[in-house]
Amino acid sequence: MPMPPPKATTESPRDRQVFHELGQIVRALEAQGPQRLEELARLVGATYWEEGRFDRAVAFAVADGLVVLDADDRLQAV
């Protein structure tokens, strides 16, 4: 007997949690100014995030134009 197909999911690559993470990143940059990636991770407590979530959230923030990389390799909110 063949296996049934997997259940359809309503979650996309941008699950609900990523929107919360984007907000944390943007708020930290607005409050503290431009930051290097390592310092931003410390500011938002990324060591407590699930593996890979911080890098993914930063990538989405940059792709969405919420955050830019400046000439000194620091991230800053737009």
PDB file of N, CA and C in Angstrom:
ATOM      1  N   MET A   1       0.851  -1.175   0.000  1.00  0.00           N
ATOM      2  CA  MET A   1       0.000   0.000   0.000  1.00  0.00           C
ATOM      3  C   MET A   1       0.901   1.245   0.000  1.00  0.00           C
ATOM      4  N   PRO A   2       0.646   2.188  -0.913  1.00  0.00           N
ATOM      5  CA  PRO A   2       1.482   3.387  -0.969  1.00  0.00           C
ATOM      6  C   PRO A   2       1.235   4.294   0.234  1.00  0.00           C
ATOM      7  N   MET A   3       2.244   5.064   0.539  1.00  0.00           N
ATOM      8  CA  MET A   3       2.144   6.026   1.648  1.00  0.00           C
ATOM      9  C   MET A   3       1.256   7.189   1.228  1.00  0.00           C
ATOM     10  N   PRO A   4       0.494   7.744   2.153  1.00  0.00           N
ATOM     11  CA  PRO A   4      -0.319   8.918   1.811  1.00  0.00           C
ATOM     12  C   PRO A   4       0.583  10.135   1.602  1.00  0.00           C
ATOM     13  N   PRO A   5       0.125  11.083   0.829  1.00  0.00           N
ATOM     14  CA  PRO A   5       0.947  12.281   0.616  1.00  0.00           C
ATOM     15  C   PRO A   5       1.081  13.070   1.915  1.00  0.00           C
ATOM     16  N   PRO A   6       2.142  13.869   2.013  1.00  0.00           N
ATOM     17  CA  PRO A   6       2.287  14.690   3.226  1.00  0.00           C
ATOM     18  C   PRO A   6       1.153  15.703   3.328  1.00  0.00           C
ATOM     19  N   LYS A   7       0.857  16.088   4.542  1.00  0.00           N
ATOM     20  CA  LYS A   7      -0.194  17.081   4.764  1.00  0.00           C
ATOM     21  C   LYS A   7       0.232  18.429   4.188  1.00  0.00           C
ATOM     22  N   ALA A   8      -0.724  19.120   3.657  1.00  0.00           N
ATOM     23  CA  ALA A   8      -0.446  20.464   3.140  1.00  0.00           C
ATOM     24  C   ALA A   8      -0.107  21.369   4.316  1.00  0.00           C
ATOM     25  N   THR A   9       0.758  22.298   4.086  1.00  0.00           N
ATOM     26  CA  THR A   9       1.138  23.215   5.149  1.00  0.00           C
ATOM     27  C   THR A   9       0.769  24.637   4.771  1.00  0.00           C
ATOM     28  N   THR A  10       0.419  25.400   5.742  1.00  0.00           N
ATOM     29  CA  THR A  10       0.135  26.810   5.502  1.00  0.00           C
ATOM     30  C   THR A  10       1.363  27.657   5.802  1.00  0.00           C
ATOM     31  N   GLU A  11       2.388  27.040   6.364  1.00  0.00           N
ATOM     32  CA  GLU A  11       3.612  27.771   6.672  1.00  0.00           C
ATOM     33  C   GLU A  11       4.435  27.934   5.391  1.00  0.00           C
ATOM     34  N   SER A  12       4.965  29.080   5.191  1.00  0.00           N
ATOM     35  CA  SER A  12       5.815  29.342   4.039  1.00  0.00           C
ATOM     36  C   SER A  12       7.251  29.442   4.533  1.00  0.00           C
ATOM     37  N   PRO A  13       8.204  29.659   3.622  1.00  0.00           N
ATOM     38  CA  PRO A  13       9.576  29.875   4.090  1.00  0.00           C
ATOM     39  C   PRO A  13       9.659  31.008   5.117  1.00  0.00           C
ATOM     40  N   ARG A  14       8.699  31.905   5.078  1.00  0.00           N
ATOM     41  CA  ARG A  14       8.631  32.988   6.056  1.00  0.00           C
ATOM     42  C   ARG A  14       7.534  32.658   7.053  1.00  0.00           C
ATOM     43  N   ASP A  15       7.856  31.823   7.984  1.00  0.00           N
ATOM     44  CA  ASP A  15       6.856  31.486   8.991  1.00  0.00           C
ATOM     45  C   ASP A  15       6.591  32.683   9.890  1.00  0.00           C
ATOM     46  N   ARG A  16       5.620  32.541  10.739  1.00  0.00           N
ATOM     47  CA  ARG A  16       5.226  33.661  11.608  1.00  0.00           C
ATOM     48  C   ARG A  16       6.365  34.149  12.482  1.00  0.00           C
ATOM     49  N   GLN A  17       7.209  33.248  12.925  1.00  0.00           N
ATOM     50  CA  GLN A  17       8.299  33.611  13.824  1.00  0.00           C
ATOM     51  C   GLN A  17       9.296  34.562  13.156  1.00  0.00           C
ATOM     52  N   VAL A  18       9.507  34.409  11.851  1.00  0.00           N
ATOM     53  CA  VAL A  18      10.494  35.255  11.186  1.00  0.00           C
ATOM     54  C   VAL A  18      10.079  36.723  11.229  1.00  0.00           C
ATOM     55  N   PHE A  19       8.792  37.013  11.210  1.00  0.00           N
ATOM     56  CA  PHE A  19       8.355  38.407  11.295  1.00  0.00           C
ATOM     57  C   PHE A  19       8.711  39.006  12.656  1.00  0.00           C
ATOM     58  N   HIS A  20       8.578  38.207  13.694  1.00  0.00           N
ATOM     59  CA  HIS A  20       8.980  38.644  15.036  1.00  0.00           C
ATOM     60  C   HIS A  20      10.490  38.886  15.072  1.00  0.00           C
ATOM     61  N   GLU A  21      11.246  37.982  14.479  1.00  0.00           N
ATOM     62  CA  GLU A  21      12.713  38.110  14.463  1.00  0.00           C
ATOM     63  C   GLU A  21      13.147  39.336  13.669  1.00  0.00           C
ATOM     64  N   LEU A  22      12.487  39.599  12.548  1.00  0.00           N
ATOM     65  CA  LEU A  22      12.799  40.799  11.768  1.00  0.00           C
ATOM     66  C   LEU A  22      12.573  42.048  12.609  1.00  0.00           C
ATOM     67  N   GLY A  23      11.485  42.068  13.338  1.00  0.00           N
ATOM     68  CA  GLY A  23      11.197  43.208  14.204  1.00  0.00           C
ATOM     69  C   GLY A  23      12.263  43.405  15.260  1.00  0.00           C
ATOM     70  N   GLN A  24      12.728  42.317  15.846  1.00  0.00           N
ATOM     71  CA  GLN A  24      13.783  42.417  16.855  1.00  0.00           C
ATOM     72  C   GLN A  24      15.047  43.014  16.254  1.00  0.00           C
ATOM     73  N   ILE A  25      15.409  42.556  15.074  1.00  0.00           N
ATOM     74  CA  ILE A  25      16.623  43.045  14.412  1.00  0.00           C
ATOM     75  C   ILE A  25      16.505  44.528  14.100  1.00  0.00           C
ATOM     76  N   VAL A  26      15.398  44.924  13.498  1.00  0.00           N
ATOM     77  CA  VAL A  26      15.215  46.330  13.128  1.00  0.00           C
ATOM     78  C   VAL A  26      15.182  47.218  14.367  1.00  0.00           C
ATOM     79  N   ARG A  27      14.455  46.804  15.405  1.00  0.00           N
ATOM     80  CA  ARG A  27      14.390  47.616  16.633  1.00  0.00           C
ATOM     81  C   ARG A  27      15.763  47.758  17.287  1.00  0.00           C
ATOM     82  N   ALA A  28      16.541  46.693  17.299  1.00  0.00           N
ATOM     83  CA  ALA A  28      17.888  46.765  17.886  1.00  0.00           C
ATOM     84  C   ALA A  28      18.763  47.740  17.112  1.00  0.00           C
ATOM     85  N   LEU A  29      18.675  47.709  15.794  1.00  0.00           N
ATOM     86  CA  LEU A  29      19.487  48.629  14.981  1.00  0.00           C
ATOM     87  C   LEU A  29      19.008  50.059  15.120  1.00  0.00           C
ATOM     88  N   GLU A  30      17.712  50.262  15.240  1.00  0.00           N
ATOM     89  CA  GLU A  30      17.189  51.621  15.435  1.00  0.00           C
ATOM     90  C   GLU A  30      17.620  52.171  16.790  1.00  0.00           C
ATOM     91  N   ALA A  31      17.623  51.324  17.798  1.00  0.00           N
ATOM     92  CA  ALA A  31      17.965  51.776  19.152  1.00  0.00           C
ATOM     93  C   ALA A  31      19.467  51.937  19.360  1.00  0.00           C
ATOM     94  N   GLN A  32      20.257  51.045  18.781  1.00  0.00           N
ATOM     95  CA  GLN A  32      21.696  51.029  19.052  1.00  0.00           C
ATOM     96  C   GLN A  32      22.563  51.533  17.900  1.00  0.00           C
ATOM     97  N   GLY A  33      21.958  51.798  16.755  1.00  0.00           N
ATOM     98  CA  GLY A  33      22.704  52.260  15.589  1.00  0.00           C
ATOM     99  C   GLY A  33      23.331  51.091  14.850  1.00  0.00           C
ATOM    100  N   PRO A  34      24.110  51.394  13.807  1.00  0.00           N
ATOM    101  CA  PRO A  34      24.721  50.346  12.991  1.00  0.00           C
ATOM    102  C   PRO A  34      25.576  49.392  13.832  1.00  0.00           C
ATOM    103  N   GLN A  35      25.484  48.106  13.503  1.00  0.00           N
ATOM    104  CA  GLN A  35      26.192  47.079  14.270  1.00  0.00           C
ATOM    105  C   GLN A  35      26.819  46.053  13.333  1.00  0.00           C
ATOM    106  N   ARG A  36      27.936  45.502  13.755  1.00  0.00           N
ATOM    107  CA  ARG A  36      28.494  44.345  13.048  1.00  0.00           C
ATOM    108  C   ARG A  36      27.596  43.148  13.354  1.00  0.00           C
ATOM    109  N   LEU A  37      27.624  42.162  12.493  1.00  0.00           N
ATOM    110  CA  LEU A  37      26.745  41.007  12.602  1.00  0.00           C
ATOM    111  C   LEU A  37      26.850  40.339  13.967  1.00  0.00           C
ATOM    112  N   GLU A  38      28.061  40.159  14.466  1.00  0.00           N
ATOM    113  CA  GLU A  38      28.266  39.484  15.753  1.00  0.00           C
ATOM    114  C   GLU A  38      27.651  40.270  16.896  1.00  0.00           C
ATOM    115  N   GLU A  39      27.803  41.589  16.852  1.00  0.00           N
ATOM    116  CA  GLU A  39      27.249  42.433  17.916  1.00  0.00           C
ATOM    117  C   GLU A  39      25.727  42.465  17.845  1.00  0.00           C
ATOM    118  N   LEU A  40      25.190  42.501  16.640  1.00  0.00           N
ATOM    119  CA  LEU A  40      23.734  42.467  16.477  1.00  0.00           C
ATOM    120  C   LEU A  40      23.177  41.155  17.031  1.00  0.00           C
ATOM    121  N   ALA A  41      23.855  40.065  16.763  1.00  0.00           N
ATOM    122  CA  ALA A  41      23.424  38.761  17.290  1.00  0.00           C
ATOM    123  C   ALA A  41      23.377  38.796  18.811  1.00  0.00           C
ATOM    124  N   ARG A  42      24.372  39.424  19.426  1.00  0.00           N
ATOM    125  CA  ARG A  42      24.389  39.535  20.888  1.00  0.00           C
ATOM    126  C   ARG A  42      23.236  40.401  21.381  1.00  0.00           C
ATOM    127  N   LEU A  43      22.982  41.505  20.693  1.00  0.00           N
ATOM    128  CA  LEU A  43      21.922  42.429  21.108  1.00  0.00           C
ATOM    129  C   LEU A  43      20.540  41.787  21.095  1.00  0.00           C
ATOM    130  N   VAL A  44      20.289  40.930  20.117  1.00  0.00           N
ATOM    131  CA  VAL A  44      18.956  40.316  20.007  1.00  0.00           C
ATOM    132  C   VAL A  44      18.873  38.958  20.695  1.00  0.00           C
ATOM    133  N   GLY A  45      19.968  38.516  21.294  1.00  0.00           N
ATOM    134  CA  GLY A  45      19.952  37.232  21.996  1.00  0.00           C
ATOM    135  C   GLY A  45      19.905  36.031  21.061  1.00  0.00           C
ATOM    136  N   ALA A  46      20.549  36.147  19.908  1.00  0.00           N
ATOM    137  CA  ALA A  46      20.479  35.092  18.891  1.00  0.00           C
ATOM    138  C   ALA A  46      21.067  33.759  19.349  1.00  0.00           C
ATOM    139  N   THR A  47      21.877  33.760  20.398  1.00  0.00           N
ATOM    140  CA  THR A  47      22.413  32.484  20.892  1.00  0.00           C
ATOM    141  C   THR A  47      21.289  31.589  21.414  1.00  0.00           C
ATOM    142  N   TYR A  48      20.147  32.183  21.748  1.00  0.00           N
ATOM    143  CA  TYR A  48      19.012  31.418  22.243  1.00  0.00           C
ATOM    144  C   TYR A  48      18.014  31.056  21.136  1.00  0.00           C
ATOM    145  N   TRP A  49      18.268  31.539  19.925  1.00  0.00           N
ATOM    146  CA  TRP A  49      17.401  31.237  18.796  1.00  0.00           C
ATOM    147  C   TRP A  49      17.746  29.853  18.256  1.00  0.00           C
ATOM    148  N   GLU A  50      16.809  29.244  17.592  1.00  0.00           N
ATOM    149  CA  GLU A  50      17.046  27.974  16.922  1.00  0.00           C
ATOM    150  C   GLU A  50      18.167  28.152  15.885  1.00  0.00           C
ATOM    151  N   GLU A  51      18.969  27.133  15.716  1.00  0.00           N
ATOM    152  CA  GLU A  51      20.119  27.184  14.799  1.00  0.00           C
ATOM    153  C   GLU A  51      19.722  27.687  13.414  1.00  0.00           C
ATOM    154  N   GLY A  52      20.460  28.675  12.918  1.00  0.00           N
ATOM    155  CA  GLY A  52      20.247  29.204  11.580  1.00  0.00           C
ATOM    156  C   GLY A  52      19.197  30.286  11.471  1.00  0.00           C
ATOM    157  N   ARG A  53      18.407  30.499  12.523  1.00  0.00           N
ATOM    158  CA  ARG A  53      17.315  31.465  12.441  1.00  0.00           C
ATOM    159  C   ARG A  53      17.822  32.894  12.335  1.00  0.00           C
ATOM    160  N   PHE A  54      18.892  33.219  13.052  1.00  0.00           N
ATOM    161  CA  PHE A  54      19.405  34.590  13.010  1.00  0.00           C
ATOM    162  C   PHE A  54      19.890  34.930  11.601  1.00  0.00           C
ATOM    163  N   ASP A  55      20.711  34.059  11.020  1.00  0.00           N
ATOM    164  CA  ASP A  55      21.218  34.316   9.668  1.00  0.00           C
ATOM    165  C   ASP A  55      20.078  34.426   8.660  1.00  0.00           C
ATOM    166  N   ARG A  56      19.077  33.581   8.825  1.00  0.00           N
ATOM    167  CA  ARG A  56      17.925  33.607   7.930  1.00  0.00           C
ATOM    168  C   ARG A  56      17.158  34.919   8.081  1.00  0.00           C
ATOM    169  N   ALA A  57      16.937  35.352   9.307  1.00  0.00           N
ATOM    170  CA  ALA A  57      16.204  36.596   9.546  1.00  0.00           C
ATOM    171  C   ALA A  57      16.975  37.799   9.008  1.00  0.00           C
ATOM    172  N   VAL A  58      18.286  37.807   9.188  1.00  0.00           N
ATOM    173  CA  VAL A  58      19.102  38.905   8.650  1.00  0.00           C
ATOM    174  C   VAL A  58      19.009  38.908   7.120  1.00  0.00           C
ATOM    175  N   ALA A  59      19.085  37.741   6.505  1.00  0.00           N
ATOM    176  CA  ALA A  59      18.989  37.658   5.048  1.00  0.00           C
ATOM    177  C   ALA A  59      17.646  38.196   4.553  1.00  0.00           C
ATOM    178  N   PHE A  60      16.552  37.844   5.242  1.00  0.00           N
ATOM    179  CA  PHE A  60      15.244  38.369   4.864  1.00  0.00           C
ATOM    180  C   PHE A  60      15.188  39.881   5.070  1.00  0.00           C
ATOM    181  N   ALA A  61      15.753  40.379   6.159  1.00  0.00           N
ATOM    182  CA  ALA A  61      15.737  41.820   6.438  1.00  0.00           C
ATOM    183  C   ALA A  61      16.474  42.588   5.349  1.00  0.00           C
ATOM    184  N   VAL A  62      17.599  42.060   4.903  1.00  0.00           N
ATOM    185  CA  VAL A  62      18.362  42.709   3.833  1.00  0.00           C
ATOM    186  C   VAL A  62      17.590  42.612   2.514  1.00  0.00           C
ATOM    187  N   ALA A  63      17.059  41.427   2.206  1.00  0.00           N
ATOM    188  CA  ALA A  63      16.315  41.234   0.957  1.00  0.00           C
ATOM    189  C   ALA A  63      15.082  42.134   0.881  1.00  0.00           C
ATOM    190  N   ASP A  64      14.447  42.377   2.017  1.00  0.00           N
ATOM    191  CA  ASP A  64      13.252  43.219   2.070  1.00  0.00           C
ATOM    192  C   ASP A  64      13.580  44.712   2.120  1.00  0.00           C
ATOM    193  N   GLY A  65      14.861  45.039   2.230  1.00  0.00           N
ATOM    194  CA  GLY A  65      15.252  46.445   2.282  1.00  0.00           C
ATOM    195  C   GLY A  65      15.037  47.098   3.631  1.00  0.00           C
ATOM    196  N   LEU A  66      14.838  46.291   4.684  1.00  0.00           N
ATOM    197  CA  LEU A  66      14.674  46.839   6.029  1.00  0.00           C
ATOM    198  C   LEU A  66      16.011  47.188   6.652  1.00  0.00           C
ATOM    199  N   VAL A  67      17.050  46.504   6.189  1.00  0.00           N
ATOM    200  CA  VAL A  67      18.398  46.625   6.735  1.00  0.00           C
ATOM    201  C   VAL A  67      19.368  46.682   5.558  1.00  0.00           C
ATOM    202  N   VAL A  68      20.396  47.510   5.685  1.00  0.00           N
ATOM    203  CA  VAL A  68      21.436  47.583   4.651  1.00  0.00           C
ATOM    204  C   VAL A  68      22.803  47.416   5.294  1.00  0.00           C
ATOM    205  N   LEU A  69      23.745  47.004   4.491  1.00  0.00           N
ATOM    206  CA  LEU A  69      25.131  46.866   4.921  1.00  0.00           C
ATOM    207  C   LEU A  69      25.856  48.135   4.523  1.00  0.00           C
ATOM    208  N   ASP A  70      26.493  48.822   5.485  1.00  0.00           N
ATOM    209  CA  ASP A  70      27.174  50.070   5.160  1.00  0.00           C
ATOM    210  C   ASP A  70      28.610  49.798   4.709  1.00  0.00           C
ATOM    211  N   ALA A  71      29.348  50.856   4.415  1.00  0.00           N
ATOM    212  CA  ALA A  71      30.706  50.733   3.912  1.00  0.00           C
ATOM    213  C   ALA A  71      31.670  50.095   4.901  1.00  0.00           C
ATOM    214  N   ASP A  72      31.333  50.139   6.188  1.00  0.00           N
ATOM    215  CA  ASP A  72      32.181  49.550   7.238  1.00  0.00           C
ATOM    216  C   ASP A  72      31.751  48.138   7.598  1.00  0.00           C
ATOM    217  N   ASP A  73      30.965  47.484   6.732  1.00  0.00           N
ATOM    218  CA  ASP A  73      30.453  46.130   6.976  1.00  0.00           C
ATOM    219  C   ASP A  73      29.605  46.062   8.237  1.00  0.00           C
ATOM    220  N   ARG A  74      28.843  47.103   8.500  1.00  0.00           N
ATOM    221  CA  ARG A  74      27.914  47.100   9.621  1.00  0.00           C
ATOM    222  C   ARG A  74      26.501  47.136   9.063  1.00  0.00           C
ATOM    223  N   LEU A  75      25.597  46.489   9.751  1.00  0.00           N
ATOM    224  CA  LEU A  75      24.190  46.506   9.377  1.00  0.00           C
ATOM    225  C   LEU A  75      23.532  47.722  10.001  1.00  0.00           C
ATOM    226  N   GLN A  76      22.648  48.347   9.238  1.00  0.00           N
ATOM    227  CA  GLN A  76      21.899  49.479   9.796  1.00  0.00           C
ATOM    228  C   GLN A  76      20.474  49.456   9.273  1.00  0.00           C
ATOM    229  N   ALA A  77      19.567  49.916  10.100  1.00  0.00           N
ATOM    230  CA  ALA A  77      18.154  49.981   9.719  1.00  0.00           C
ATOM    231  C   ALA A  77      17.967  51.089   8.705  1.00  0.00           C
ATOM    232  N   VAL A  78      17.035  50.898   7.813  1.00  0.00           N
ATOM    233  CA  VAL A  78      16.757  51.894   6.776  1.00  0.00           C
ATOM    234  C   VAL A  78      15.718  52.870   7.292  1.00  0.00           C
TER     235      VAL A  78
END
